[in-house]
Amino acid sequence: MSDEAAAVLGDGMVGLFHYTLTDDDGAVLDSSDGREPLAYLHGHSNIIPGLEKQLAGLAVGAKLRATIPPAEAYGERSGPEAQRVHRRDFPKDLDIVVGATVGVRTPDGQQMTLWITKTEGAWVWLDANHPMAGKTLHFDVEVVGCRPATQDEQRHGHAHGPDGHHHHH
């Protein structure tokens, strides 16, 4: 057996996996189906902590069904309810779609990210919580790749895609 075959996910490794993410009702929230597998650098918080923890020690070919509580995913919901804002208050060039993020400045000058959670006519709802905050997430994962991270990746703290380069040939 080559070393390659024995590689397992852990710090300093780049993992590639296909996933389907569902909520408690079984509705699919996201999936890599028909896309490239997701590449992440283990140990650098590229993915939610609960999933990273459960991927540790897995090798290529492993399948995982992970249930992740909000605290290990996008956190519990907190703060005010979503705020309703009129479309005319947004920059003209902003693509107003549910799930998009909007950077705003708070009165005390802090940068803050808000998520568009709903649109209805001229109204847009902005929420300080990630759309998946407060949700228990269910991941069906299949590990399709595992390799040592390149020095560049280690330095940058994230994976540079399936082959370790920025460029797709």
N, C-alpha and C. Protein backbone atom coordinates (compact mmCIF):
# COMPACT_ATOMS: atom_id res chain seq x y z
N MET A 1 0.83 -1.19 0.00
CA MET A 1 0.00 0.00 0.00
C MET A 1 0.87 1.26 0.00
N SER A 2 0.59 2.21 -0.87
CA SER A 2 1.38 3.44 -0.91
C SER A 2 0.96 4.34 0.24
N ASP A 3 1.81 5.31 0.54
CA ASP A 3 1.48 6.28 1.59
C ASP A 3 0.20 7.02 1.24
N GLU A 4 0.05 7.28 -0.05
CA GLU A 4 -1.11 8.02 -0.54
C GLU A 4 -2.40 7.39 -0.04
N ALA A 5 -2.49 6.09 -0.16
CA ALA A 5 -3.71 5.37 0.21
C ALA A 5 -3.97 5.43 1.71
N ALA A 6 -2.89 5.63 2.47
CA ALA A 6 -3.04 5.62 3.92
C ALA A 6 -3.34 7.01 4.49
N ALA A 7 -3.38 8.00 3.61
CA ALA A 7 -3.59 9.37 4.09
C ALA A 7 -4.95 9.52 4.75
N VAL A 8 -4.96 10.17 5.91
CA VAL A 8 -6.24 10.46 6.57
C VAL A 8 -6.33 11.96 6.85
N LEU A 9 -7.55 12.44 6.98
CA LEU A 9 -7.76 13.86 7.21
C LEU A 9 -7.32 14.26 8.62
N GLY A 10 -6.62 15.36 8.68
CA GLY A 10 -6.14 15.89 9.94
C GLY A 10 -5.40 17.19 9.66
N ASP A 11 -4.83 17.80 10.68
CA ASP A 11 -4.15 19.08 10.50
C ASP A 11 -3.09 19.00 9.41
N GLY A 12 -3.06 20.01 8.55
CA GLY A 12 -2.06 20.05 7.49
C GLY A 12 -2.45 19.25 6.26
N MET A 13 -3.65 18.67 6.28
CA MET A 13 -4.12 17.92 5.13
C MET A 13 -5.22 18.70 4.43
N VAL A 14 -5.27 18.55 3.11
CA VAL A 14 -6.39 19.10 2.36
C VAL A 14 -7.35 17.97 2.07
N GLY A 15 -8.59 18.18 2.45
CA GLY A 15 -9.62 17.17 2.19
C GLY A 15 -10.54 17.64 1.08
N LEU A 16 -11.01 16.70 0.30
CA LEU A 16 -11.99 16.98 -0.74
C LEU A 16 -13.19 16.11 -0.47
N PHE A 17 -14.36 16.72 -0.44
CA PHE A 17 -15.52 15.88 -0.19
C PHE A 17 -16.76 16.38 -0.93
N HIS A 18 -17.61 15.44 -1.25
CA HIS A 18 -18.93 15.76 -1.77
C HIS A 18 -19.88 15.72 -0.59
N TYR A 19 -20.89 16.57 -0.64
CA TYR A 19 -21.81 16.62 0.50
C TYR A 19 -23.22 16.97 0.05
N THR A 20 -24.15 16.55 0.86
CA THR A 20 -25.52 17.03 0.77
C THR A 20 -25.89 17.48 2.17
N LEU A 21 -26.40 18.69 2.26
CA LEU A 21 -26.76 19.26 3.55
C LEU A 21 -28.28 19.35 3.63
N THR A 22 -28.85 18.77 4.68
CA THR A 22 -30.29 18.84 4.87
C THR A 22 -30.61 19.40 6.25
N ASP A 23 -31.83 19.91 6.41
CA ASP A 23 -32.26 20.39 7.73
C ASP A 23 -33.05 19.28 8.42
N ASP A 24 -33.61 19.62 9.57
CA ASP A 24 -34.34 18.61 10.36
C ASP A 24 -35.52 18.01 9.60
N ASP A 25 -36.08 18.76 8.65
CA ASP A 25 -37.22 18.26 7.89
C ASP A 25 -36.79 17.44 6.67
N GLY A 26 -35.47 17.35 6.46
CA GLY A 26 -34.99 16.59 5.32
C GLY A 26 -34.92 17.40 4.04
N ALA A 27 -35.20 18.71 4.14
CA ALA A 27 -35.09 19.57 2.96
C ALA A 27 -33.62 19.82 2.65
N VAL A 28 -33.26 19.70 1.37
CA VAL A 28 -31.86 19.92 0.98
C VAL A 28 -31.56 21.42 0.96
N LEU A 29 -30.58 21.83 1.77
CA LEU A 29 -30.20 23.24 1.87
C LEU A 29 -29.05 23.55 0.91
N ASP A 30 -28.20 22.57 0.68
CA ASP A 30 -27.03 22.78 -0.16
C ASP A 30 -26.48 21.42 -0.54
N SER A 31 -25.80 21.37 -1.68
CA SER A 31 -25.24 20.11 -2.12
C SER A 31 -24.15 20.38 -3.13
N SER A 32 -23.14 19.52 -3.16
CA SER A 32 -22.07 19.68 -4.15
C SER A 32 -22.40 18.89 -5.41
N ASP A 33 -23.60 18.35 -5.46
CA ASP A 33 -24.03 17.55 -6.59
C ASP A 33 -23.84 18.33 -7.90
N GLY A 34 -23.14 17.72 -8.85
CA GLY A 34 -22.93 18.36 -10.13
C GLY A 34 -21.86 19.45 -10.10
N ARG A 35 -21.20 19.61 -8.95
CA ARG A 35 -20.12 20.60 -8.84
C ARG A 35 -18.83 19.87 -8.46
N GLU A 36 -17.75 20.64 -8.42
CA GLU A 36 -16.49 20.12 -7.90
C GLU A 36 -16.70 19.76 -6.43
N PRO A 37 -15.96 18.79 -5.93
CA PRO A 37 -16.04 18.55 -4.49
C PRO A 37 -15.52 19.78 -3.74
N LEU A 38 -15.93 19.91 -2.51
CA LEU A 38 -15.45 21.01 -1.69
C LEU A 38 -14.06 20.69 -1.16
N ALA A 39 -13.12 21.61 -1.35
CA ALA A 39 -11.76 21.42 -0.84
C ALA A 39 -11.59 22.28 0.40
N TYR A 40 -11.02 21.71 1.44
CA TYR A 40 -10.77 22.53 2.63
C TYR A 40 -9.45 22.12 3.25
N LEU A 41 -8.84 23.05 3.98
CA LEU A 41 -7.59 22.79 4.69
C LEU A 41 -7.93 22.48 6.13
N HIS A 42 -7.65 21.26 6.56
CA HIS A 42 -8.04 20.82 7.89
C HIS A 42 -7.29 21.61 8.96
N GLY A 43 -8.02 22.01 9.99
CA GLY A 43 -7.40 22.70 11.12
C GLY A 43 -7.39 24.21 10.97
N HIS A 44 -8.01 24.73 9.90
CA HIS A 44 -7.98 26.18 9.67
C HIS A 44 -9.37 26.81 9.61
N SER A 45 -10.36 26.12 10.18
CA SER A 45 -11.73 26.67 10.23
C SER A 45 -12.26 27.06 8.86
N ASN A 46 -11.88 26.32 7.81
CA ASN A 46 -12.44 26.58 6.48
C ASN A 46 -13.89 26.13 6.43
N ILE A 47 -14.24 25.17 7.25
CA ILE A 47 -15.61 24.64 7.29
C ILE A 47 -16.09 24.71 8.73
N ILE A 48 -17.38 24.49 8.95
CA ILE A 48 -17.90 24.62 10.32
C ILE A 48 -17.22 23.60 11.25
N PRO A 49 -16.97 24.02 12.49
CA PRO A 49 -16.18 23.20 13.42
C PRO A 49 -16.73 21.80 13.63
N GLY A 50 -18.06 21.68 13.73
CA GLY A 50 -18.64 20.37 14.00
C GLY A 50 -18.36 19.36 12.90
N LEU A 51 -18.33 19.86 11.65
CA LEU A 51 -18.07 18.95 10.53
C LEU A 51 -16.59 18.61 10.46
N GLU A 52 -15.75 19.61 10.67
CA GLU A 52 -14.31 19.37 10.65
C GLU A 52 -13.92 18.30 11.67
N LYS A 53 -14.52 18.42 12.85
CA LYS A 53 -14.23 17.47 13.93
C LYS A 53 -14.57 16.03 13.51
N GLN A 54 -15.72 15.89 12.84
CA GLN A 54 -16.17 14.54 12.47
C GLN A 54 -15.43 13.98 11.26
N LEU A 55 -14.82 14.86 10.46
CA LEU A 55 -14.05 14.39 9.30
C LEU A 55 -12.66 13.91 9.70
N ALA A 56 -12.16 14.40 10.85
CA ALA A 56 -10.80 14.04 11.27
C ALA A 56 -10.64 12.53 11.34
N GLY A 57 -9.54 12.05 10.74
CA GLY A 57 -9.24 10.62 10.81
C GLY A 57 -9.85 9.81 9.69
N LEU A 58 -10.70 10.43 8.86
CA LEU A 58 -11.29 9.70 7.76
C LEU A 58 -10.33 9.64 6.57
N ALA A 59 -10.48 8.61 5.76
CA ALA A 59 -9.65 8.45 4.57
C ALA A 59 -10.55 8.51 3.33
N VAL A 60 -9.93 8.57 2.16
CA VAL A 60 -10.68 8.60 0.91
C VAL A 60 -11.61 7.40 0.83
N GLY A 61 -12.83 7.64 0.40
CA GLY A 61 -13.81 6.56 0.29
C GLY A 61 -14.74 6.49 1.48
N ALA A 62 -14.35 7.18 2.56
CA ALA A 62 -15.20 7.15 3.76
C ALA A 62 -16.48 7.93 3.51
N LYS A 63 -17.57 7.39 4.07
CA LYS A 63 -18.85 8.10 4.01
C LYS A 63 -19.25 8.42 5.42
N LEU A 64 -19.87 9.57 5.58
CA LEU A 64 -20.19 10.06 6.92
C LEU A 64 -21.57 10.67 6.92
N ARG A 65 -22.33 10.38 7.94
CA ARG A 65 -23.59 11.07 8.16
C ARG A 65 -23.39 11.85 9.45
N ALA A 66 -23.27 13.16 9.35
CA ALA A 66 -22.97 13.97 10.52
C ALA A 66 -24.15 14.85 10.88
N THR A 67 -24.53 14.84 12.16
CA THR A 67 -25.56 15.75 12.63
C THR A 67 -24.88 16.77 13.52
N ILE A 68 -25.03 18.05 13.16
CA ILE A 68 -24.26 19.09 13.82
C ILE A 68 -25.18 20.12 14.47
N PRO A 69 -25.08 20.25 15.79
CA PRO A 69 -25.93 21.21 16.50
C PRO A 69 -25.52 22.64 16.16
N PRO A 70 -26.44 23.59 16.32
CA PRO A 70 -26.14 24.98 15.96
C PRO A 70 -24.84 25.51 16.56
N ALA A 71 -24.55 25.15 17.80
CA ALA A 71 -23.36 25.67 18.47
C ALA A 71 -22.08 25.28 17.74
N GLU A 72 -22.09 24.16 17.00
CA GLU A 72 -20.89 23.73 16.26
C GLU A 72 -21.02 24.04 14.78
N ALA A 73 -22.10 24.76 14.42
CA ALA A 73 -22.31 25.13 13.02
C ALA A 73 -22.27 26.65 12.92
N TYR A 74 -23.42 27.28 12.71
CA TYR A 74 -23.46 28.73 12.53
C TYR A 74 -23.93 29.48 13.76
N GLY A 75 -23.97 28.77 14.90
CA GLY A 75 -24.34 29.44 16.14
C GLY A 75 -25.85 29.51 16.32
N GLU A 76 -26.25 29.85 17.53
CA GLU A 76 -27.67 30.06 17.81
C GLU A 76 -28.06 31.42 17.24
N ARG A 77 -29.34 31.58 17.01
CA ARG A 77 -29.82 32.90 16.59
C ARG A 77 -29.68 33.87 17.76
N SER A 78 -29.30 35.10 17.47
CA SER A 78 -29.20 36.07 18.56
C SER A 78 -29.51 37.45 18.00
N GLY A 79 -29.69 38.39 18.90
CA GLY A 79 -29.90 39.76 18.48
C GLY A 79 -31.31 39.98 17.97
N PRO A 80 -31.51 41.13 17.33
CA PRO A 80 -32.85 41.52 16.91
C PRO A 80 -33.37 40.63 15.78
N GLU A 81 -34.67 40.67 15.61
CA GLU A 81 -35.27 39.99 14.48
C GLU A 81 -34.80 40.68 13.19
N ALA A 82 -35.05 40.02 12.06
CA ALA A 82 -34.67 40.61 10.78
C ALA A 82 -35.34 41.97 10.62
N GLN A 83 -34.61 42.92 10.06
CA GLN A 83 -35.12 44.27 9.87
C GLN A 83 -35.60 44.45 8.43
N ARG A 84 -36.71 45.16 8.26
CA ARG A 84 -37.26 45.40 6.94
C ARG A 84 -36.70 46.73 6.40
N VAL A 85 -36.13 46.68 5.20
CA VAL A 85 -35.51 47.86 4.61
C VAL A 85 -36.06 48.05 3.20
N HIS A 86 -36.24 49.30 2.79
CA HIS A 86 -36.76 49.56 1.45
C HIS A 86 -35.64 49.41 0.42
N ARG A 87 -36.00 48.84 -0.73
CA ARG A 87 -35.03 48.62 -1.80
C ARG A 87 -34.26 49.88 -2.18
N ARG A 88 -34.92 51.03 -2.11
CA ARG A 88 -34.25 52.26 -2.55
C ARG A 88 -33.08 52.63 -1.62
N ASP A 89 -33.05 52.02 -0.44
CA ASP A 89 -31.95 52.30 0.49
C ASP A 89 -30.69 51.49 0.19
N PHE A 90 -30.76 50.62 -0.82
CA PHE A 90 -29.60 49.81 -1.18
C PHE A 90 -28.85 50.45 -2.35
N PRO A 91 -27.54 50.19 -2.43
CA PRO A 91 -26.79 50.66 -3.60
C PRO A 91 -27.44 50.10 -4.88
N LYS A 92 -27.45 50.91 -5.93
CA LYS A 92 -28.10 50.53 -7.18
C LYS A 92 -27.54 49.23 -7.76
N ASP A 93 -26.23 49.04 -7.59
CA ASP A 93 -25.58 47.91 -8.26
C ASP A 93 -25.63 46.62 -7.43
N LEU A 94 -26.29 46.68 -6.29
CA LEU A 94 -26.33 45.50 -5.43
C LEU A 94 -27.34 44.49 -5.94
N ASP A 95 -26.90 43.26 -6.06
CA ASP A 95 -27.78 42.18 -6.48
C ASP A 95 -28.59 41.74 -5.26
N ILE A 96 -29.86 42.07 -5.24
CA ILE A 96 -30.67 41.75 -4.07
C ILE A 96 -31.29 40.37 -4.23
N VAL A 97 -30.61 39.38 -3.68
CA VAL A 97 -31.13 38.01 -3.73
C VAL A 97 -31.03 37.41 -2.34
N VAL A 98 -31.98 36.56 -2.03
CA VAL A 98 -31.98 35.90 -0.72
C VAL A 98 -30.69 35.10 -0.58
N GLY A 99 -30.02 35.25 0.56
CA GLY A 99 -28.77 34.53 0.80
C GLY A 99 -27.55 35.40 0.54
N ALA A 100 -27.75 36.54 -0.14
CA ALA A 100 -26.63 37.45 -0.39
C ALA A 100 -26.28 38.19 0.90
N THR A 101 -25.05 38.64 0.99
CA THR A 101 -24.64 39.39 2.17
C THR A 101 -24.47 40.86 1.81
N VAL A 102 -24.69 41.70 2.79
CA VAL A 102 -24.57 43.13 2.64
C VAL A 102 -23.66 43.63 3.76
N GLY A 103 -22.62 44.35 3.41
CA GLY A 103 -21.76 44.93 4.43
C GLY A 103 -22.31 46.28 4.85
N VAL A 104 -22.50 46.50 6.13
CA VAL A 104 -22.99 47.79 6.60
C VAL A 104 -22.08 48.31 7.71
N ARG A 105 -22.15 49.61 7.91
CA ARG A 105 -21.42 50.21 9.02
C ARG A 105 -22.40 50.52 10.13
N THR A 106 -22.07 50.10 11.33
CA THR A 106 -22.93 50.41 12.47
C THR A 106 -22.65 51.86 12.88
N PRO A 107 -23.57 52.45 13.66
CA PRO A 107 -23.37 53.85 14.07
C PRO A 107 -22.00 54.09 14.73
N ASP A 108 -21.45 53.07 15.40
CA ASP A 108 -20.15 53.29 16.04
C ASP A 108 -18.98 52.90 15.13
N GLY A 109 -19.28 52.75 13.82
CA GLY A 109 -18.19 52.58 12.86
C GLY A 109 -17.71 51.16 12.63
N GLN A 110 -18.35 50.18 13.24
CA GLN A 110 -17.95 48.78 13.03
C GLN A 110 -18.48 48.27 11.69
N GLN A 111 -17.69 47.41 11.02
CA GLN A 111 -18.19 46.73 9.82
C GLN A 111 -19.02 45.55 10.29
N MET A 112 -20.14 45.35 9.65
CA MET A 112 -21.01 44.26 10.05
C MET A 112 -21.59 43.62 8.80
N THR A 113 -21.74 42.31 8.83
CA THR A 113 -22.34 41.61 7.70
C THR A 113 -23.78 41.27 8.00
N LEU A 114 -24.67 41.61 7.09
CA LEU A 114 -26.07 41.24 7.22
C LEU A 114 -26.44 40.33 6.06
N TRP A 115 -27.37 39.43 6.31
CA TRP A 115 -27.83 38.53 5.26
C TRP A 115 -29.22 38.94 4.80
N ILE A 116 -29.45 38.86 3.48
CA ILE A 116 -30.79 39.08 2.95
C ILE A 116 -31.55 37.77 3.12
N THR A 117 -32.62 37.81 3.91
CA THR A 117 -33.33 36.56 4.21
C THR A 117 -34.67 36.45 3.49
N LYS A 118 -35.16 37.60 2.98
CA LYS A 118 -36.47 37.58 2.33
C LYS A 118 -36.63 38.85 1.52
N THR A 119 -37.32 38.75 0.39
CA THR A 119 -37.68 39.96 -0.35
C THR A 119 -39.15 39.86 -0.69
N GLU A 120 -39.82 40.98 -0.68
CA GLU A 120 -41.25 41.01 -0.98
C GLU A 120 -41.57 42.39 -1.54
N GLY A 121 -41.83 42.45 -2.86
CA GLY A 121 -42.08 43.74 -3.47
C GLY A 121 -40.89 44.65 -3.28
N ALA A 122 -41.13 45.82 -2.71
CA ALA A 122 -40.05 46.80 -2.54
C ALA A 122 -39.28 46.58 -1.24
N TRP A 123 -39.69 45.59 -0.47
CA TRP A 123 -39.07 45.39 0.85
C TRP A 123 -38.06 44.26 0.85
N VAL A 124 -37.02 44.47 1.62
CA VAL A 124 -35.95 43.49 1.76
C VAL A 124 -35.71 43.29 3.26
N TRP A 125 -35.61 42.04 3.68
CA TRP A 125 -35.35 41.77 5.09
C TRP A 125 -33.88 41.46 5.31
N LEU A 126 -33.28 42.17 6.25
CA LEU A 126 -31.87 41.97 6.58
C LEU A 126 -31.76 41.37 7.97
N ASP A 127 -30.91 40.37 8.08
CA ASP A 127 -30.76 39.67 9.36
C ASP A 127 -29.28 39.59 9.72
N ALA A 128 -28.98 39.88 10.98
CA ALA A 128 -27.59 39.82 11.44
C ALA A 128 -27.15 38.37 11.65
N ASN A 129 -28.11 37.45 11.66
CA ASN A 129 -27.76 36.04 11.83
C ASN A 129 -27.53 35.38 10.48
N HIS A 130 -26.57 34.46 10.45
CA HIS A 130 -26.39 33.63 9.27
C HIS A 130 -27.72 32.91 9.02
N PRO A 131 -28.10 32.73 7.73
CA PRO A 131 -29.39 32.07 7.45
C PRO A 131 -29.52 30.69 8.11
N MET A 132 -28.39 30.05 8.39
CA MET A 132 -28.46 28.72 9.00
C MET A 132 -28.24 28.75 10.49
N ALA A 133 -28.19 29.95 11.07
CA ALA A 133 -28.05 30.06 12.52
C ALA A 133 -29.26 29.42 13.19
N GLY A 134 -29.02 28.73 14.29
CA GLY A 134 -30.11 28.12 15.04
C GLY A 134 -30.57 26.80 14.45
N LYS A 135 -29.98 26.39 13.32
CA LYS A 135 -30.40 25.13 12.69
C LYS A 135 -29.45 24.00 13.02
N THR A 136 -30.04 22.83 13.24
CA THR A 136 -29.25 21.61 13.32
C THR A 136 -29.05 21.15 11.88
N LEU A 137 -27.79 20.92 11.51
CA LEU A 137 -27.47 20.58 10.13
C LEU A 137 -27.13 19.10 10.01
N HIS A 138 -27.60 18.50 8.94
CA HIS A 138 -27.32 17.09 8.68
C HIS A 138 -26.53 16.99 7.39
N PHE A 139 -25.32 16.49 7.50
CA PHE A 139 -24.45 16.35 6.34
C PHE A 139 -24.30 14.88 5.95
N ASP A 140 -24.51 14.59 4.67
CA ASP A 140 -24.09 13.31 4.13
C ASP A 140 -22.85 13.60 3.32
N VAL A 141 -21.75 13.01 3.75
CA VAL A 141 -20.46 13.36 3.17
C VAL A 141 -19.78 12.12 2.60
N GLU A 142 -19.13 12.29 1.46
CA GLU A 142 -18.24 11.25 0.96
C GLU A 142 -16.89 11.88 0.69
N VAL A 143 -15.86 11.35 1.35
CA VAL A 143 -14.51 11.87 1.17
C VAL A 143 -13.94 11.33 -0.15
N VAL A 144 -13.58 12.25 -1.05
CA VAL A 144 -13.09 11.81 -2.36
C VAL A 144 -11.62 12.15 -2.58
N GLY A 145 -11.04 12.90 -1.66
CA GLY A 145 -9.62 13.23 -1.82
C GLY A 145 -9.01 13.61 -0.49
N CYS A 146 -7.71 13.37 -0.38
CA CYS A 146 -6.99 13.71 0.84
C CYS A 146 -5.53 13.79 0.46
N ARG A 147 -4.91 14.94 0.67
CA ARG A 147 -3.50 15.09 0.32
C ARG A 147 -2.86 16.08 1.28
N PRO A 148 -1.53 16.01 1.41
CA PRO A 148 -0.87 17.00 2.25
C PRO A 148 -1.03 18.39 1.63
N ALA A 149 -1.21 19.40 2.46
CA ALA A 149 -1.33 20.77 1.97
C ALA A 149 0.01 21.24 1.43
N THR A 150 -0.02 22.08 0.41
CA THR A 150 1.20 22.69 -0.09
C THR A 150 1.64 23.78 0.88
N GLN A 151 2.88 24.24 0.74
CA GLN A 151 3.37 25.31 1.63
C GLN A 151 2.53 26.58 1.46
N ASP A 152 2.16 26.86 0.22
CA ASP A 152 1.31 28.02 -0.06
C ASP A 152 0.00 27.94 0.71
N GLU A 153 -0.61 26.75 0.64
CA GLU A 153 -1.90 26.56 1.30
C GLU A 153 -1.75 26.73 2.81
N GLN A 154 -0.68 26.15 3.35
CA GLN A 154 -0.43 26.29 4.78
C GLN A 154 -0.31 27.77 5.15
N ARG A 155 0.42 28.49 4.30
CA ARG A 155 0.65 29.90 4.56
C ARG A 155 -0.65 30.70 4.48
N HIS A 156 -1.45 30.41 3.47
CA HIS A 156 -2.67 31.17 3.26
C HIS A 156 -3.83 30.71 4.16
N GLY A 157 -3.73 29.49 4.69
CA GLY A 157 -4.74 29.01 5.60
C GLY A 157 -6.00 28.49 4.94
N HIS A 158 -5.90 28.19 3.62
CA HIS A 158 -7.04 27.56 2.95
C HIS A 158 -6.57 26.76 1.74
N ALA A 159 -7.41 25.87 1.28
CA ALA A 159 -7.07 25.04 0.12
C ALA A 159 -7.21 25.85 -1.16
N HIS A 160 -6.36 25.53 -2.12
CA HIS A 160 -6.40 26.22 -3.41
C HIS A 160 -7.04 25.35 -4.48
N GLY A 161 -8.01 24.56 -4.10
CA GLY A 161 -8.69 23.75 -5.12
C GLY A 161 -8.13 22.36 -5.19
N PRO A 162 -8.74 21.52 -6.01
CA PRO A 162 -8.44 20.09 -6.05
C PRO A 162 -6.97 19.77 -6.23
N ASP A 163 -6.25 20.57 -7.08
CA ASP A 163 -4.87 20.19 -7.38
C ASP A 163 -3.84 21.06 -6.66
N GLY A 164 -4.32 21.95 -5.79
CA GLY A 164 -3.39 22.77 -5.03
C GLY A 164 -2.99 24.04 -5.76
N HIS A 165 -3.55 24.29 -6.93
CA HIS A 165 -3.23 25.51 -7.68
C HIS A 165 -4.47 26.36 -7.84
N HIS A 166 -4.22 27.65 -8.10
CA HIS A 166 -5.33 28.56 -8.31
C HIS A 166 -5.97 28.34 -9.67
N HIS A 167 -5.18 27.82 -10.61
CA HIS A 167 -5.63 27.81 -12.00
C HIS A 167 -6.27 26.49 -12.37
N HIS A 168 -7.39 26.57 -13.06
CA HIS A 168 -7.99 25.36 -13.61
C HIS A 168 -7.57 25.26 -15.05
N HIS A 169 -7.03 24.13 -15.42
CA HIS A 169 -6.56 23.97 -16.81
C HIS A 169 -7.63 23.38 -17.67
